[in-house]
Amino acid sequence: MFEIRVICDPDDTDRVTAALGGAFATGAVRQYATRDGKRERLYLTADLRAERWPTPEEAYALAPSIISEVGWTAGAAADKPFGKGLGREFWLRKAALLDRIALGDESERVRSDAAEMATEAARRLMDTDDTAVICDPRAYVRQQYERWLKQK
């Protein structure tokens, strides 16, 4: 939990309060005039909202087939010598593909290897995104992939 202090015009207090309430889980707002009486000081306690981590079924419900994604990632990688210039979409789709493969593997040994590769690809995506999110890397991939699919 942390404390937020905002100084704003009196006409903006409702809009600022609403925006903070949308971004954070906030407590009651304490409101005071500034010393010059021209602006308002808003004080409120806040906490980060809990992230929603989709299940694999939710994240991949609209995903193309695994075979299609294998073809796309192989084609994208072949177009870039030594992997240079591969963007976020590539790392997102590759990480999601490896996650899906890891989820579907039957044998214990293969599942373990696939899970390691999926986790490493997920970490690469997180590095690409320069994210400060502290979570299971594969959960992050599922969240980002679901968002990406819905925005396409």
C-alpha atoms as a PDB file:
ATOM      1  CA  MET A   1       0.000   0.000   0.000  1.00  0.00           C
ATOM      2  CA  PHE A   2       1.189   3.546  -0.667  1.00  0.00           C
ATOM      3  CA  GLU A   3       0.033   7.144  -0.333  1.00  0.00           C
ATOM      4  CA  ILE A   4      -0.727   9.395  -3.297  1.00  0.00           C
ATOM      5  CA  ARG A   5      -0.781  13.180  -3.131  1.00  0.00           C
ATOM      6  CA  VAL A   6      -2.109  15.216  -6.026  1.00  0.00           C
ATOM      7  CA  ILE A   7      -2.378  18.963  -6.404  1.00  0.00           C
ATOM      8  CA  CYS A   8      -4.880  20.002  -9.052  1.00  0.00           C
ATOM      9  CA  ASP A   9      -7.438  22.605 -10.042  1.00  0.00           C
ATOM     10  CA  PRO A  10     -10.708  22.299  -8.105  1.00  0.00           C
ATOM     11  CA  ASP A  11     -12.573  21.605 -11.370  1.00  0.00           C
ATOM     12  CA  ASP A  12     -10.366  18.539 -11.980  1.00  0.00           C
ATOM     13  CA  THR A  13     -10.725  16.810  -8.605  1.00  0.00           C
ATOM     14  CA  ASP A  14     -13.550  14.477  -9.651  1.00  0.00           C
ATOM     15  CA  ARG A  15     -11.780  13.483 -12.869  1.00  0.00           C
ATOM     16  CA  VAL A  16      -8.448  12.924 -11.103  1.00  0.00           C
ATOM     17  CA  THR A  17     -10.103  10.911  -8.338  1.00  0.00           C
ATOM     18  CA  ALA A  18     -11.936   8.752 -10.888  1.00  0.00           C
ATOM     19  CA  ALA A  19      -8.753   8.145 -12.897  1.00  0.00           C
ATOM     20  CA  LEU A  20      -6.825   7.108  -9.785  1.00  0.00           C
ATOM     21  CA  GLY A  21      -9.701   4.843  -8.755  1.00  0.00           C
ATOM     22  CA  GLY A  22      -9.551   3.177 -12.167  1.00  0.00           C
ATOM     23  CA  ALA A  23      -5.819   2.608 -11.998  1.00  0.00           C
ATOM     24  CA  PHE A  24      -5.495   1.594  -8.345  1.00  0.00           C
ATOM     25  CA  ALA A  25      -7.518   0.136  -5.510  1.00  0.00           C
ATOM     26  CA  THR A  26      -7.968   3.363  -3.541  1.00  0.00           C
ATOM     27  CA  GLY A  27      -9.201   4.355  -0.122  1.00  0.00           C
ATOM     28  CA  ALA A  28     -11.168   7.440   0.845  1.00  0.00           C
ATOM     29  CA  VAL A  29      -9.943  10.753  -0.590  1.00  0.00           C
ATOM     30  CA  ARG A  30      -8.944  13.476   1.825  1.00  0.00           C
ATOM     31  CA  GLN A  31      -9.244  16.892   0.221  1.00  0.00           C
ATOM     32  CA  TYR A  32      -7.717  20.197   1.373  1.00  0.00           C
ATOM     33  CA  ALA A  33      -7.163  23.599  -0.206  1.00  0.00           C
ATOM     34  CA  THR A  34      -3.598  24.603  -1.025  1.00  0.00           C
ATOM     35  CA  ARG A  35      -2.042  27.450   0.966  1.00  0.00           C
ATOM     36  CA  ASP A  36      -2.849  29.959  -1.737  1.00  0.00           C
ATOM     37  CA  GLY A  37      -6.428  28.634  -1.902  1.00  0.00           C
ATOM     38  CA  LYS A  38      -6.345  28.325  -5.693  1.00  0.00           C
ATOM     39  CA  ARG A  39      -5.912  24.562  -6.014  1.00  0.00           C
ATOM     40  CA  GLU A  40      -6.860  21.387  -4.147  1.00  0.00           C
ATOM     41  CA  ARG A  41      -4.609  18.835  -2.436  1.00  0.00           C
ATOM     42  CA  LEU A  42      -5.898  15.283  -2.647  1.00  0.00           C
ATOM     43  CA  TYR A  43      -4.504  12.557  -0.399  1.00  0.00           C
ATOM     44  CA  LEU A  44      -5.450   8.906  -0.715  1.00  0.00           C
ATOM     45  CA  THR A  45      -4.077   5.505   0.077  1.00  0.00           C
ATOM     46  CA  ALA A  46      -3.774   3.130  -2.826  1.00  0.00           C
ATOM     47  CA  ASP A  47      -2.682  -0.359  -3.695  1.00  0.00           C
ATOM     48  CA  LEU A  48      -2.001  -2.091  -6.981  1.00  0.00           C
ATOM     49  CA  ARG A  49      -4.965  -3.931  -8.398  1.00  0.00           C
ATOM     50  CA  ALA A  50      -4.668  -7.696  -8.516  1.00  0.00           C
ATOM     51  CA  GLU A  51      -3.718  -8.922 -11.978  1.00  0.00           C
ATOM     52  CA  ARG A  52      -6.071 -11.254 -13.765  1.00  0.00           C
ATOM     53  CA  TRP A  53      -4.213 -14.271 -15.072  1.00  0.00           C
ATOM     54  CA  PRO A  54      -6.221 -16.131 -17.704  1.00  0.00           C
ATOM     55  CA  THR A  55      -6.298 -19.898 -17.778  1.00  0.00           C
ATOM     56  CA  PRO A  56      -4.672 -21.548 -20.797  1.00  0.00           C
ATOM     57  CA  GLU A  57      -8.159 -22.315 -22.142  1.00  0.00           C
ATOM     58  CA  GLU A  58      -9.137 -18.642 -21.925  1.00  0.00           C
ATOM     59  CA  ALA A  59      -5.856 -17.361 -23.341  1.00  0.00           C
ATOM     60  CA  TYR A  60      -5.755 -19.688 -26.334  1.00  0.00           C
ATOM     61  CA  ALA A  61      -9.485 -19.951 -27.101  1.00  0.00           C
ATOM     62  CA  LEU A  62      -9.165 -17.806 -30.243  1.00  0.00           C
ATOM     63  CA  ALA A  63      -5.622 -18.879 -31.160  1.00  0.00           C
ATOM     64  CA  PRO A  64      -4.756 -20.300 -34.569  1.00  0.00           C
ATOM     65  CA  SER A  65      -3.802 -23.969 -34.673  1.00  0.00           C
ATOM     66  CA  ILE A  66      -0.432 -25.004 -33.307  1.00  0.00           C
ATOM     67  CA  ILE A  67       0.635 -26.104 -36.808  1.00  0.00           C
ATOM     68  CA  SER A  68      -0.233 -22.658 -38.153  1.00  0.00           C
ATOM     69  CA  GLU A  69       1.771 -20.959 -35.401  1.00  0.00           C
ATOM     70  CA  VAL A  70       4.761 -23.256 -35.992  1.00  0.00           C
ATOM     71  CA  GLY A  71       4.699 -22.179 -39.644  1.00  0.00           C
ATOM     72  CA  TRP A  72       4.390 -18.491 -38.756  1.00  0.00           C
ATOM     73  CA  THR A  73       7.234 -18.494 -36.210  1.00  0.00           C
ATOM     74  CA  ALA A  74       9.516 -20.536 -38.483  1.00  0.00           C
ATOM     75  CA  GLY A  75       8.799 -18.175 -41.378  1.00  0.00           C
ATOM     76  CA  ALA A  76       9.352 -15.073 -39.282  1.00  0.00           C
ATOM     77  CA  ALA A  77      12.638 -16.431 -37.909  1.00  0.00           C
ATOM     78  CA  ALA A  78      13.834 -17.429 -41.404  1.00  0.00           C
ATOM     79  CA  ASP A  79      13.260 -13.879 -42.651  1.00  0.00           C
ATOM     80  CA  LYS A  80      15.670 -12.434 -40.066  1.00  0.00           C
ATOM     81  CA  PRO A  81      19.299 -13.568 -40.190  1.00  0.00           C
ATOM     82  CA  PHE A  82      20.602 -14.600 -36.770  1.00  0.00           C
ATOM     83  CA  GLY A  83      17.294 -13.577 -35.182  1.00  0.00           C
ATOM     84  CA  LYS A  84      18.090  -9.868 -35.453  1.00  0.00           C
ATOM     85  CA  GLY A  85      15.131  -7.557 -35.687  1.00  0.00           C
ATOM     86  CA  LEU A  86      12.571 -10.012 -34.400  1.00  0.00           C
ATOM     87  CA  GLY A  87       9.938  -7.903 -32.700  1.00  0.00           C
ATOM     88  CA  ARG A  88       7.524  -8.324 -29.854  1.00  0.00           C
ATOM     89  CA  GLU A  89       4.931 -10.167 -31.950  1.00  0.00           C
ATOM     90  CA  PHE A  90       7.461 -12.881 -32.759  1.00  0.00           C
ATOM     91  CA  TRP A  91       8.476 -13.399 -29.131  1.00  0.00           C
ATOM     92  CA  LEU A  92       4.868 -13.320 -27.960  1.00  0.00           C
ATOM     93  CA  ARG A  93       3.715 -15.864 -30.529  1.00  0.00           C
ATOM     94  CA  LYS A  94       6.749 -18.096 -30.002  1.00  0.00           C
ATOM     95  CA  ALA A  95       6.309 -18.063 -26.223  1.00  0.00           C
ATOM     96  CA  ALA A  96       2.589 -18.825 -26.578  1.00  0.00           C
ATOM     97  CA  LEU A  97       3.315 -21.618 -29.041  1.00  0.00           C
ATOM     98  CA  LEU A  98       5.846 -23.252 -26.713  1.00  0.00           C
ATOM     99  CA  ASP A  99       3.460 -22.834 -23.783  1.00  0.00           C
ATOM    100  CA  ARG A 100       0.708 -24.588 -25.743  1.00  0.00           C
ATOM    101  CA  ILE A 101       3.069 -27.406 -26.702  1.00  0.00           C
ATOM    102  CA  ALA A 102       4.186 -27.811 -23.086  1.00  0.00           C
ATOM    103  CA  LEU A 103       0.580 -27.941 -21.935  1.00  0.00           C
ATOM    104  CA  GLY A 104      -0.272 -30.650 -24.433  1.00  0.00           C
ATOM    105  CA  ASP A 105       2.677 -33.010 -24.026  1.00  0.00           C
ATOM    106  CA  GLU A 106       1.870 -36.433 -22.620  1.00  0.00           C
ATOM    107  CA  SER A 107       5.190 -37.888 -21.479  1.00  0.00           C
ATOM    108  CA  GLU A 108       6.808 -36.553 -18.309  1.00  0.00           C
ATOM    109  CA  ARG A 109      10.281 -36.106 -19.833  1.00  0.00           C
ATOM    110  CA  VAL A 110       9.003 -34.292 -22.922  1.00  0.00           C
ATOM    111  CA  ARG A 111       6.662 -32.132 -20.820  1.00  0.00           C
ATOM    112  CA  SER A 112       9.590 -31.088 -18.629  1.00  0.00           C
ATOM    113  CA  ASP A 113      11.751 -30.102 -21.615  1.00  0.00           C
ATOM    114  CA  ALA A 114       8.885 -28.280 -23.298  1.00  0.00           C
ATOM    115  CA  ALA A 115       8.039 -26.470 -20.063  1.00  0.00           C
ATOM    116  CA  GLU A 116      11.646 -25.281 -19.712  1.00  0.00           C
ATOM    117  CA  MET A 117      11.675 -23.979 -23.286  1.00  0.00           C
ATOM    118  CA  ALA A 118       8.281 -22.297 -22.768  1.00  0.00           C
ATOM    119  CA  THR A 119       9.517 -20.606 -19.606  1.00  0.00           C
ATOM    120  CA  GLU A 120      12.694 -19.376 -21.317  1.00  0.00           C
ATOM    121  CA  ALA A 121      10.691 -17.974 -24.241  1.00  0.00           C
ATOM    122  CA  ALA A 122       8.327 -16.300 -21.765  1.00  0.00           C
ATOM    123  CA  ARG A 123      11.274 -14.682 -20.003  1.00  0.00           C
ATOM    124  CA  ARG A 124      12.529 -13.428 -23.364  1.00  0.00           C
ATOM    125  CA  LEU A 125       9.132 -11.809 -23.976  1.00  0.00           C
ATOM    126  CA  MET A 126       9.244 -10.203 -20.535  1.00  0.00           C
ATOM    127  CA  ASP A 127      12.728  -8.873 -21.325  1.00  0.00           C
ATOM    128  CA  THR A 128      11.458  -7.526 -24.651  1.00  0.00           C
ATOM    129  CA  ASP A 129       8.567  -5.825 -22.863  1.00  0.00           C
ATOM    130  CA  ASP A 130      10.960  -4.568 -20.168  1.00  0.00           C
ATOM    131  CA  THR A 131       8.243  -5.471 -17.698  1.00  0.00           C
ATOM    132  CA  ALA A 132       8.472  -5.065 -13.966  1.00  0.00           C
ATOM    133  CA  VAL A 133       5.733  -7.648 -13.459  1.00  0.00           C
ATOM    134  CA  ILE A 134       6.755 -10.290 -10.959  1.00  0.00           C
ATOM    135  CA  CYS A 135       4.824 -13.424 -11.786  1.00  0.00           C
ATOM    136  CA  ASP A 136       5.002 -16.809 -13.426  1.00  0.00           C
ATOM    137  CA  PRO A 137       6.464 -15.986 -16.869  1.00  0.00           C
ATOM    138  CA  ARG A 138       4.073 -18.365 -18.631  1.00  0.00           C
ATOM    139  CA  ALA A 139       1.088 -16.705 -16.934  1.00  0.00           C
ATOM    140  CA  TYR A 140       2.377 -13.382 -18.278  1.00  0.00           C
ATOM    141  CA  VAL A 141       2.521 -14.849 -21.795  1.00  0.00           C
ATOM    142  CA  ARG A 142      -1.067 -16.083 -21.535  1.00  0.00           C
ATOM    143  CA  GLN A 143      -2.268 -12.683 -20.359  1.00  0.00           C
ATOM    144  CA  GLN A 144      -0.420 -10.818 -23.104  1.00  0.00           C
ATOM    145  CA  TYR A 145      -1.414 -13.291 -25.814  1.00  0.00           C
ATOM    146  CA  GLU A 146      -5.081 -13.094 -24.868  1.00  0.00           C
ATOM    147  CA  ARG A 147      -4.922  -9.281 -25.004  1.00  0.00           C
ATOM    148  CA  TRP A 148      -3.059  -9.367 -28.317  1.00  0.00           C
ATOM    149  CA  LEU A 149      -5.604 -11.714 -29.915  1.00  0.00           C
ATOM    150  CA  LYS A 150      -8.500  -9.532 -28.791  1.00  0.00           C
ATOM    151  CA  GLN A 151      -6.836  -6.420 -30.264  1.00  0.00           C
ATOM    152  CA  LYS A 152      -6.106  -8.015 -33.647  1.00  0.00           C
END
